[in-house]
Amino acid sequence: MPHSPMVFQVNWNACIQCGACVAVCPKEAGFTTPFDTIATDTPCDIACMACEKVCPVTAIDSRRATAQERADLPAVRAIPLR
Protein backbone atom coordinates (compact mmCIF):
# COMPACT_ATOMS: atom_id res chain seq x y z
CA MET A 1 0.00 0.00 0.00
CA PRO A 2 1.53 3.37 -0.98
CA HIS A 3 2.30 5.91 1.69
CA SER A 4 0.90 9.43 1.74
CA PRO A 5 3.46 12.01 0.61
CA MET A 6 5.32 13.55 3.54
CA VAL A 7 7.15 16.83 4.05
CA PHE A 8 10.24 16.77 6.23
CA GLN A 9 11.62 19.50 8.46
CA VAL A 10 15.08 19.51 9.98
CA ASN A 11 15.76 21.02 13.39
CA TRP A 12 18.89 22.92 12.37
CA ASN A 13 19.87 23.50 16.02
CA ALA A 14 20.05 19.73 16.56
CA CYS A 15 21.31 18.58 13.14
CA ILE A 16 24.99 17.56 13.12
CA GLN A 17 25.11 17.38 9.30
CA CYS A 18 26.33 13.78 9.37
CA GLY A 19 24.67 12.93 6.04
CA ALA A 20 23.07 9.72 7.31
CA CYS A 21 19.64 10.83 6.05
CA VAL A 22 21.00 11.42 2.55
CA ALA A 23 22.85 8.10 2.57
CA VAL A 24 19.67 6.07 3.20
CA CYS A 25 17.34 8.13 1.00
CA PRO A 26 16.10 6.20 -2.06
CA LYS A 27 15.02 9.42 -3.81
CA GLU A 28 16.95 10.80 -6.78
CA ALA A 29 20.16 12.65 -6.03
CA GLY A 30 18.52 16.09 -6.15
CA PHE A 31 16.46 15.51 -3.00
CA THR A 32 19.00 17.18 -0.70
CA THR A 33 19.78 20.59 0.78
CA PRO A 34 23.11 22.43 0.50
CA PHE A 35 23.71 21.31 4.11
CA ASP A 36 23.93 17.58 3.22
CA THR A 37 20.49 16.72 4.59
CA ILE A 38 17.30 15.51 2.98
CA ALA A 39 15.19 18.16 1.29
CA THR A 40 13.01 20.23 3.56
CA ASP A 41 9.60 21.71 2.80
CA THR A 42 9.43 19.53 -0.34
CA PRO A 43 6.92 16.68 -0.58
CA CYS A 44 8.46 13.22 -0.65
CA ASP A 45 6.23 10.83 -2.58
CA ILE A 46 8.15 7.74 -1.43
CA ALA A 47 7.65 8.52 2.28
CA CYS A 48 9.68 5.50 3.43
CA MET A 49 10.69 7.42 6.57
CA ALA A 50 14.20 5.94 6.51
CA CYS A 51 15.76 9.39 6.95
CA GLU A 52 13.75 10.11 10.07
CA LYS A 53 14.54 6.68 11.53
CA VAL A 54 18.31 6.86 10.86
CA CYS A 55 18.93 10.36 12.26
CA PRO A 56 21.24 9.89 15.27
CA VAL A 57 20.06 13.10 16.94
CA THR A 58 16.35 12.88 15.99
CA ALA A 59 16.55 16.21 14.18
CA ILE A 60 14.08 15.23 11.43
CA ASP A 61 10.33 15.64 11.82
CA SER A 62 7.64 15.01 9.26
CA ARG A 63 4.07 15.89 8.43
CA ARG A 64 1.64 14.80 5.74
CA ALA A 65 1.82 16.90 2.61
CA THR A 66 -1.10 19.27 2.15
CA ALA A 67 -3.57 18.82 -0.69
CA GLN A 68 -1.85 21.63 -2.60
CA GLU A 69 1.61 20.11 -2.07
CA ARG A 70 0.31 16.73 -3.29
CA ALA A 71 -1.26 18.41 -6.34
CA ASP A 72 2.11 19.99 -7.18
CA LEU A 73 3.84 16.59 -7.33
CA PRO A 74 4.44 15.27 -10.85
CA ALA A 75 1.23 13.62 -12.07
CA VAL A 76 2.84 10.22 -12.57
CA ARG A 77 4.02 10.08 -8.94
CA ALA A 78 1.12 11.83 -7.17
CA ILE A 79 -0.59 9.62 -4.58
CA PRO A 80 -4.10 10.54 -3.40
CA LEU A 81 -4.90 10.46 0.32
CA ARG A 82 -7.62 8.12 1.43
PDB file of N, CA and C in Angstrom:
ATOM      1  N   MET A   1       0.837  -1.176   0.000  1.00  0.00           N
ATOM      2  CA  MET A   1       0.000   0.000   0.000  1.00  0.00           C
ATOM      3  C   MET A   1       0.883   1.241   0.000  1.00  0.00           C
ATOM      4  N   PRO A   2       0.683   2.169  -0.927  1.00  0.00           N
ATOM      5  CA  PRO A   2       1.526   3.366  -0.981  1.00  0.00           C
ATOM      6  C   PRO A   2       1.311   4.271   0.235  1.00  0.00           C
ATOM      7  N   HIS A   3       2.361   4.966   0.584  1.00  0.00           N
ATOM      8  CA  HIS A   3       2.303   5.909   1.690  1.00  0.00           C
ATOM      9  C   HIS A   3       1.827   7.266   1.190  1.00  0.00           C
ATOM     10  N   SER A   4       1.250   8.057   2.078  1.00  0.00           N
ATOM     11  CA  SER A   4       0.902   9.425   1.744  1.00  0.00           C
ATOM     12  C   SER A   4       2.185  10.241   1.642  1.00  0.00           C
ATOM     13  N   PRO A   5       2.266  11.171   0.692  1.00  0.00           N
ATOM     14  CA  PRO A   5       3.457  12.013   0.607  1.00  0.00           C
ATOM     15  C   PRO A   5       3.686  12.768   1.926  1.00  0.00           C
ATOM     16  N   MET A   6       4.944  12.876   2.296  1.00  0.00           N
ATOM     17  CA  MET A   6       5.319  13.546   3.537  1.00  0.00           C
ATOM     18  C   MET A   6       6.244  14.718   3.227  1.00  0.00           C
ATOM     19  N   VAL A   7       6.239  15.682   4.129  1.00  0.00           N
ATOM     20  CA  VAL A   7       7.147  16.825   4.045  1.00  0.00           C
ATOM     21  C   VAL A   7       8.010  16.770   5.303  1.00  0.00           C
ATOM     22  N   PHE A   8       9.312  16.869   5.113  1.00  0.00           N
ATOM     23  CA  PHE A   8      10.244  16.772   6.234  1.00  0.00           C
ATOM     24  C   PHE A   8      10.769  18.142   6.620  1.00  0.00           C
ATOM     25  N   GLN A   9      10.976  18.305   7.919  1.00  0.00           N
ATOM     26  CA  GLN A   9      11.619  19.496   8.455  1.00  0.00           C
ATOM     27  C   GLN A   9      12.823  19.033   9.266  1.00  0.00           C
ATOM     28  N   VAL A  10      13.871  19.828   9.218  1.00  0.00           N
ATOM     29  CA  VAL A  10      15.081  19.515   9.980  1.00  0.00           C
ATOM     30  C   VAL A  10      15.242  20.566  11.067  1.00  0.00           C
ATOM     31  N   ASN A  11      15.461  20.118  12.283  1.00  0.00           N
ATOM     32  CA  ASN A  11      15.763  21.025  13.386  1.00  0.00           C
ATOM     33  C   ASN A  11      17.241  21.378  13.246  1.00  0.00           C
ATOM     34  N   TRP A  12      17.505  22.531  12.674  1.00  0.00           N
ATOM     35  CA  TRP A  12      18.885  22.916  12.371  1.00  0.00           C
ATOM     36  C   TRP A  12      19.727  23.109  13.623  1.00  0.00           C
ATOM     37  N   ASN A  13      19.109  23.373  14.772  1.00  0.00           N
ATOM     38  CA  ASN A  13      19.869  23.497  16.017  1.00  0.00           C
ATOM     39  C   ASN A  13      20.358  22.138  16.511  1.00  0.00           C
ATOM     40  N   ALA A  14      19.666  21.077  16.130  1.00  0.00           N
ATOM     41  CA  ALA A  14      20.051  19.733  16.564  1.00  0.00           C
ATOM     42  C   ALA A  14      20.870  18.984  15.509  1.00  0.00           C
ATOM     43  N   CYS A  15      20.661  19.302  14.237  1.00  0.00           N
ATOM     44  CA  CYS A  15      21.315  18.576  13.143  1.00  0.00           C
ATOM     45  C   CYS A  15      22.836  18.704  13.231  1.00  0.00           C
ATOM     46  N   ILE A  16      23.517  17.564  13.097  1.00  0.00           N
ATOM     47  CA  ILE A  16      24.989  17.560  13.118  1.00  0.00           C
ATOM     48  C   ILE A  16      25.568  17.395  11.714  1.00  0.00           C
ATOM     49  N   GLN A  17      24.717  17.461  10.711  1.00  0.00           N
ATOM     50  CA  GLN A  17      25.108  17.376   9.297  1.00  0.00           C
ATOM     51  C   GLN A  17      25.981  16.152   9.018  1.00  0.00           C
ATOM     52  N   CYS A  18      25.551  15.012   9.557  1.00  0.00           N
ATOM     53  CA  CYS A  18      26.326  13.780   9.375  1.00  0.00           C
ATOM     54  C   CYS A  18      26.082  13.139   8.007  1.00  0.00           C
ATOM     55  N   GLY A  19      24.969  13.477   7.362  1.00  0.00           N
ATOM     56  CA  GLY A  19      24.671  12.935   6.044  1.00  0.00           C
ATOM     57  C   GLY A  19      24.006  11.571   6.059  1.00  0.00           C
ATOM     58  N   ALA A  20      23.701  11.037   7.229  1.00  0.00           N
ATOM     59  CA  ALA A  20      23.067   9.717   7.310  1.00  0.00           C
ATOM     60  C   ALA A  20      21.722   9.707   6.586  1.00  0.00           C
ATOM     61  N   CYS A  21      20.954  10.776   6.700  1.00  0.00           N
ATOM     62  CA  CYS A  21      19.639  10.834   6.052  1.00  0.00           C
ATOM     63  C   CYS A  21      19.764  10.772   4.530  1.00  0.00           C
ATOM     64  N   VAL A  22      20.766  11.438   4.001  1.00  0.00           N
ATOM     65  CA  VAL A  22      20.998  11.422   2.553  1.00  0.00           C
ATOM     66  C   VAL A  22      21.464  10.039   2.115  1.00  0.00           C
ATOM     67  N   ALA A  23      22.297   9.406   2.925  1.00  0.00           N
ATOM     68  CA  ALA A  23      22.850   8.095   2.573  1.00  0.00           C
ATOM     69  C   ALA A  23      21.775   7.023   2.449  1.00  0.00           C
ATOM     70  N   VAL A  24      20.714   7.099   3.248  1.00  0.00           N
ATOM     71  CA  VAL A  24      19.668   6.065   3.196  1.00  0.00           C
ATOM     72  C   VAL A  24      18.504   6.437   2.292  1.00  0.00           C
ATOM     73  N   CYS A  25      18.477   7.648   1.804  1.00  0.00           N
ATOM     74  CA  CYS A  25      17.344   8.128   1.005  1.00  0.00           C
ATOM     75  C   CYS A  25      17.323   7.472  -0.378  1.00  0.00           C
ATOM     76  N   PRO A  26      16.195   6.820  -0.738  1.00  0.00           N
ATOM     77  CA  PRO A  26      16.100   6.198  -2.058  1.00  0.00           C
ATOM     78  C   PRO A  26      15.684   7.171  -3.163  1.00  0.00           C
ATOM     79  N   LYS A  27      15.424   8.423  -2.810  1.00  0.00           N
ATOM     80  CA  LYS A  27      15.024   9.423  -3.809  1.00  0.00           C
ATOM     81  C   LYS A  27      16.204   9.759  -4.718  1.00  0.00           C
ATOM     82  N   GLU A  28      15.896  10.383  -5.844  1.00  0.00           N
ATOM     83  CA  GLU A  28      16.945  10.799  -6.776  1.00  0.00           C
ATOM     84  C   GLU A  28      17.919  11.753  -6.085  1.00  0.00           C
ATOM     85  N   ALA A  29      19.072  11.894  -6.649  1.00  0.00           N
ATOM     86  CA  ALA A  29      20.165  12.647  -6.028  1.00  0.00           C
ATOM     87  C   ALA A  29      19.808  14.093  -5.698  1.00  0.00           C
ATOM     88  N   GLY A  30      18.865  14.689  -6.372  1.00  0.00           N
ATOM     89  CA  GLY A  30      18.524  16.088  -6.147  1.00  0.00           C
ATOM     90  C   GLY A  30      17.686  16.352  -4.924  1.00  0.00           C
ATOM     91  N   PHE A  31      17.337  15.324  -4.165  1.00  0.00           N
ATOM     92  CA  PHE A  31      16.457  15.508  -3.003  1.00  0.00           C
ATOM     93  C   PHE A  31      17.272  15.801  -1.747  1.00  0.00           C
ATOM     94  N   THR A  32      18.152  16.804  -1.834  1.00  0.00           N
ATOM     95  CA  THR A  32      18.995  17.182  -0.705  1.00  0.00           C
ATOM     96  C   THR A  32      19.065  18.700  -0.587  1.00  0.00           C
ATOM     97  N   THR A  33      19.552  19.161   0.563  1.00  0.00           N
ATOM     98  CA  THR A  33      19.784  20.588   0.783  1.00  0.00           C
ATOM     99  C   THR A  33      21.277  20.850   0.618  1.00  0.00           C
ATOM    100  N   PRO A  34      21.673  22.121   0.552  1.00  0.00           N
ATOM    101  CA  PRO A  34      23.107  22.433   0.499  1.00  0.00           C
ATOM    102  C   PRO A  34      23.847  22.036   1.779  1.00  0.00           C
ATOM    103  N   PHE A  35      23.101  21.651   2.830  1.00  0.00           N
ATOM    104  CA  PHE A  35      23.707  21.308   4.111  1.00  0.00           C
ATOM    105  C   PHE A  35      23.849  19.797   4.294  1.00  0.00           C
ATOM    106  N   ASP A  36      23.779  19.028   3.199  1.00  0.00           N
ATOM    107  CA  ASP A  36      23.927  17.580   3.217  1.00  0.00           C
ATOM    108  C   ASP A  36      22.869  16.898   4.081  1.00  0.00           C
ATOM    109  N   THR A  37      21.624  17.368   3.937  1.00  0.00           N
ATOM    110  CA  THR A  37      20.493  16.722   4.589  1.00  0.00           C
ATOM    111  C   THR A  37      19.434  16.460   3.527  1.00  0.00           C
ATOM    112  N   ILE A  38      18.416  15.719   3.896  1.00  0.00           N
ATOM    113  CA  ILE A  38      17.300  15.509   2.985  1.00  0.00           C
ATOM    114  C   ILE A  38      16.617  16.849   2.724  1.00  0.00           C
ATOM    115  N   ALA A  39      15.888  16.930   1.636  1.00  0.00           N
ATOM    116  CA  ALA A  39      15.187  18.162   1.288  1.00  0.00           C
ATOM    117  C   ALA A  39      14.152  18.503   2.359  1.00  0.00           C
ATOM    118  N   THR A  40      13.999  19.771   2.603  1.00  0.00           N
ATOM    119  CA  THR A  40      13.010  20.235   3.560  1.00  0.00           C
ATOM    120  C   THR A  40      11.938  21.016   2.821  1.00  0.00           C
ATOM    121  N   ASP A  41      10.740  20.978   3.375  1.00  0.00           N
ATOM    122  CA  ASP A  41       9.598  21.710   2.800  1.00  0.00           C
ATOM    123  C   ASP A  41       9.304  21.294   1.365  1.00  0.00           C
ATOM    124  N   THR A  42       9.682  20.077   0.990  1.00  0.00           N
ATOM    125  CA  THR A  42       9.430  19.535  -0.338  1.00  0.00           C
ATOM    126  C   THR A  42       8.753  18.180  -0.167  1.00  0.00           C
ATOM    127  N   PRO A  43       7.595  17.964  -0.771  1.00  0.00           N
ATOM    128  CA  PRO A  43       6.924  16.676  -0.582  1.00  0.00           C
ATOM    129  C   PRO A  43       7.757  15.502  -1.086  1.00  0.00           C
ATOM    130  N   CYS A  44       7.784  14.467  -0.287  1.00  0.00           N
ATOM    131  CA  CYS A  44       8.457  13.216  -0.652  1.00  0.00           C
ATOM    132  C   CYS A  44       7.366  12.202  -0.947  1.00  0.00           C
ATOM    133  N   ASP A  45       7.287  11.768  -2.193  1.00  0.00           N
ATOM    134  CA  ASP A  45       6.234  10.832  -2.579  1.00  0.00           C
ATOM    135  C   ASP A  45       6.553   9.392  -2.200  1.00  0.00           C
ATOM    136  N   ILE A  46       7.788   9.088  -1.866  1.00  0.00           N
ATOM    137  CA  ILE A  46       8.149   7.744  -1.432  1.00  0.00           C
ATOM    138  C   ILE A  46       7.738   7.534   0.025  1.00  0.00           C
ATOM    139  N   ALA A  47       8.029   8.516   0.852  1.00  0.00           N
ATOM    140  CA  ALA A  47       7.651   8.519   2.277  1.00  0.00           C
ATOM    141  C   ALA A  47       8.021   7.225   2.989  1.00  0.00           C
ATOM    142  N   CYS A  48       9.232   6.741   2.775  1.00  0.00           N
ATOM    143  CA  CYS A  48       9.681   5.504   3.428  1.00  0.00           C
ATOM    144  C   CYS A  48      10.069   5.750   4.882  1.00  0.00           C
ATOM    145  N   MET A  49      10.345   6.989   5.228  1.00  0.00           N
ATOM    146  CA  MET A  49      10.688   7.418   6.573  1.00  0.00           C
ATOM    147  C   MET A  49      12.066   6.951   7.043  1.00  0.00           C
ATOM    148  N   ALA A  50      12.867   6.421   6.138  1.00  0.00           N
ATOM    149  CA  ALA A  50      14.202   5.942   6.512  1.00  0.00           C
ATOM    150  C   ALA A  50      15.065   7.072   7.067  1.00  0.00           C
ATOM    151  N   CYS A  51      14.950   8.256   6.493  1.00  0.00           N
ATOM    152  CA  CYS A  51      15.762   9.385   6.950  1.00  0.00           C
ATOM    153  C   CYS A  51      15.451   9.744   8.398  1.00  0.00           C
ATOM    154  N   GLU A  52      14.158   9.775   8.713  1.00  0.00           N
ATOM    155  CA  GLU A  52      13.752  10.115  10.071  1.00  0.00           C
ATOM    156  C   GLU A  52      14.218   9.051  11.063  1.00  0.00           C
ATOM    157  N   LYS A  53      14.157   7.783  10.652  1.00  0.00           N
ATOM    158  CA  LYS A  53      14.543   6.677  11.529  1.00  0.00           C
ATOM    159  C   LYS A  53      16.054   6.629  11.766  1.00  0.00           C
ATOM    160  N   VAL A  54      16.855   7.002  10.750  1.00  0.00           N
ATOM    161  CA  VAL A  54      18.309   6.856  10.858  1.00  0.00           C
ATOM    162  C   VAL A  54      18.984   8.049  11.545  1.00  0.00           C
ATOM    163  N   CYS A  55      18.309   9.158  11.677  1.00  0.00           N
ATOM    164  CA  CYS A  55      18.932  10.365  12.256  1.00  0.00           C
ATOM    165  C   CYS A  55      19.403  10.091  13.690  1.00  0.00           C
ATOM    166  N   PRO A  56      20.712  10.214  13.943  1.00  0.00           N
ATOM    167  CA  PRO A  56      21.237   9.890  15.267  1.00  0.00           C
ATOM    168  C   PRO A  56      20.870  10.897  16.351  1.00  0.00           C
ATOM    169  N   VAL A  57      20.412  12.081  15.949  1.00  0.00           N
ATOM    170  CA  VAL A  57      20.056  13.102  16.938  1.00  0.00           C
ATOM    171  C   VAL A  57      18.575  13.474  16.849  1.00  0.00           C
ATOM    172  N   THR A  58      17.796  12.669  16.182  1.00  0.00           N
ATOM    173  CA  THR A  58      16.352  12.876  15.989  1.00  0.00           C
ATOM    174  C   THR A  58      16.013  14.320  15.603  1.00  0.00           C
ATOM    175  N   ALA A  59      16.749  14.839  14.631  1.00  0.00           N
ATOM    176  CA  ALA A  59      16.551  16.214  14.180  1.00  0.00           C
ATOM    177  C   ALA A  59      15.544  16.330  13.043  1.00  0.00           C
ATOM    178  N   ILE A  60      14.994  15.201  12.570  1.00  0.00           N
ATOM    179  CA  ILE A  60      14.077  15.229  11.435  1.00  0.00           C
ATOM    180  C   ILE A  60      12.659  14.937  11.912  1.00  0.00           C
ATOM    181  N   ASP A  61      11.746  15.818  11.548  1.00  0.00           N
ATOM    182  CA  ASP A  61      10.330  15.639  11.823  1.00  0.00           C
ATOM    183  C   ASP A  61       9.609  15.600  10.490  1.00  0.00           C
ATOM    184  N   SER A  62       8.397  15.083  10.502  1.00  0.00           N
ATOM    185  CA  SER A  62       7.636  15.014   9.256  1.00  0.00           C
ATOM    186  C   SER A  62       6.171  15.332   9.508  1.00  0.00           C
ATOM    187  N   ARG A  63       5.505  15.672   8.418  1.00  0.00           N
ATOM    188  CA  ARG A  63       4.066  15.889   8.432  1.00  0.00           C
ATOM    189  C   ARG A  63       3.534  15.446   7.080  1.00  0.00           C
ATOM    190  N   ARG A  64       2.252  15.146   7.021  1.00  0.00           N
ATOM    191  CA  ARG A  64       1.641  14.804   5.742  1.00  0.00           C
ATOM    192  C   ARG A  64       1.638  16.025   4.836  1.00  0.00           C
ATOM    193  N   ALA A  65       1.869  15.806   3.580  1.00  0.00           N
ATOM    194  CA  ALA A  65       1.816  16.902   2.609  1.00  0.00           C
ATOM    195  C   ALA A  65       0.377  17.399   2.508  1.00  0.00           C
ATOM    196  N   THR A  66       0.235  18.700   2.322  1.00  0.00           N
ATOM    197  CA  THR A  66      -1.097  19.273   2.152  1.00  0.00           C
ATOM    198  C   THR A  66      -1.660  18.885   0.790  1.00  0.00           C
ATOM    199  N   ALA A  67      -2.936  19.121   0.601  1.00  0.00           N
ATOM    200  CA  ALA A  67      -3.570  18.818  -0.689  1.00  0.00           C
ATOM    201  C   ALA A  67      -2.870  19.581  -1.814  1.00  0.00           C
ATOM    202  N   GLN A  68      -2.523  20.838  -1.579  1.00  0.00           N
ATOM    203  CA  GLN A  68      -1.847  21.626  -2.605  1.00  0.00           C
ATOM    204  C   GLN A  68      -0.456  21.072  -2.897  1.00  0.00           C
ATOM    205  N   GLU A  69       0.275  20.692  -1.868  1.00  0.00           N
ATOM    206  CA  GLU A  69       1.608  20.114  -2.073  1.00  0.00           C
ATOM    207  C   GLU A  69       1.513  18.797  -2.849  1.00  0.00           C
ATOM    208  N   ARG A  70       0.502  17.984  -2.546  1.00  0.00           N
ATOM    209  CA  ARG A  70       0.311  16.735  -3.294  1.00  0.00           C
ATOM    210  C   ARG A  70      -0.050  17.029  -4.743  1.00  0.00           C
ATOM    211  N   ALA A  71      -0.857  18.041  -4.974  1.00  0.00           N
ATOM    212  CA  ALA A  71      -1.259  18.407  -6.336  1.00  0.00           C
ATOM    213  C   ALA A  71      -0.062  18.888  -7.144  1.00  0.00           C
ATOM    214  N   ASP A  72       0.923  19.474  -6.485  1.00  0.00           N
ATOM    215  CA  ASP A  72       2.105  19.993  -7.175  1.00  0.00           C
ATOM    216  C   ASP A  72       3.120  18.908  -7.517  1.00  0.00           C
ATOM    217  N   LEU A  73       2.949  17.697  -6.975  1.00  0.00           N
ATOM    218  CA  LEU A  73       3.838  16.594  -7.328  1.00  0.00           C
ATOM    219  C   LEU A  73       3.624  16.238  -8.796  1.00  0.00           C
ATOM    220  N   PRO A  74       4.637  15.717  -9.471  1.00  0.00           N
ATOM    221  CA  PRO A  74       4.445  15.268 -10.854  1.00  0.00           C
ATOM    222  C   PRO A  74       3.279  14.280 -10.928  1.00  0.00           C
ATOM    223  N   ALA A  75       2.459  14.404 -11.947  1.00  0.00           N
ATOM    224  CA  ALA A  75       1.228  13.621 -12.069  1.00  0.00           C
ATOM    225  C   ALA A  75       1.467  12.115 -12.002  1.00  0.00           C
ATOM    226  N   VAL A  76       2.557  11.650 -12.551  1.00  0.00           N
ATOM    227  CA  VAL A  76       2.835  10.218 -12.569  1.00  0.00           C
ATOM    228  C   VAL A  76       3.075   9.696 -11.160  1.00  0.00           C
ATOM    229  N   ARG A  77       3.636  10.527 -10.272  1.00  0.00           N
ATOM    230  CA  ARG A  77       4.016  10.076  -8.936  1.00  0.00           C
ATOM    231  C   ARG A  77       3.021  10.483  -7.862  1.00  0.00           C
ATOM    232  N   ALA A  78       2.041  11.345  -8.176  1.00  0.00           N
ATOM    233  CA  ALA A  78       1.117  11.826  -7.165  1.00  0.00           C
ATOM    234  C   ALA A  78       0.308  10.666  -6.576  1.00  0.00           C
ATOM    235  N   ILE A  79       0.140  10.676  -5.265  1.00  0.00           N
ATOM    236  CA  ILE A  79      -0.593   9.621  -4.582  1.00  0.00           C
ATOM    237  C   ILE A  79      -1.750  10.284  -3.831  1.00  0.00           C
ATOM    238  N   PRO A  80      -2.989   9.923  -4.116  1.00  0.00           N
ATOM    239  CA  PRO A  80      -4.100  10.538  -3.402  1.00  0.00           C
ATOM    240  C   PRO A  80      -4.187  10.035  -1.954  1.00  0.00           C
ATOM    241  N   LEU A  81      -4.652  10.879  -1.069  1.00  0.00           N
ATOM    242  CA  LEU A  81      -4.896  10.463   0.316  1.00  0.00           C
ATOM    243  C   LEU A  81      -6.234   9.761   0.377  1.00  0.00           C
ATOM    244  N   ARG A  82      -6.342   8.822   1.259  1.00  0.00           N
ATOM    245  CA  ARG A  82      -7.622   8.120   1.430  1.00  0.00           C
ATOM    246  C   ARG A  82      -8.374   8.718   2.564  1.00  0.00           C
TER     247      ARG A  82
END
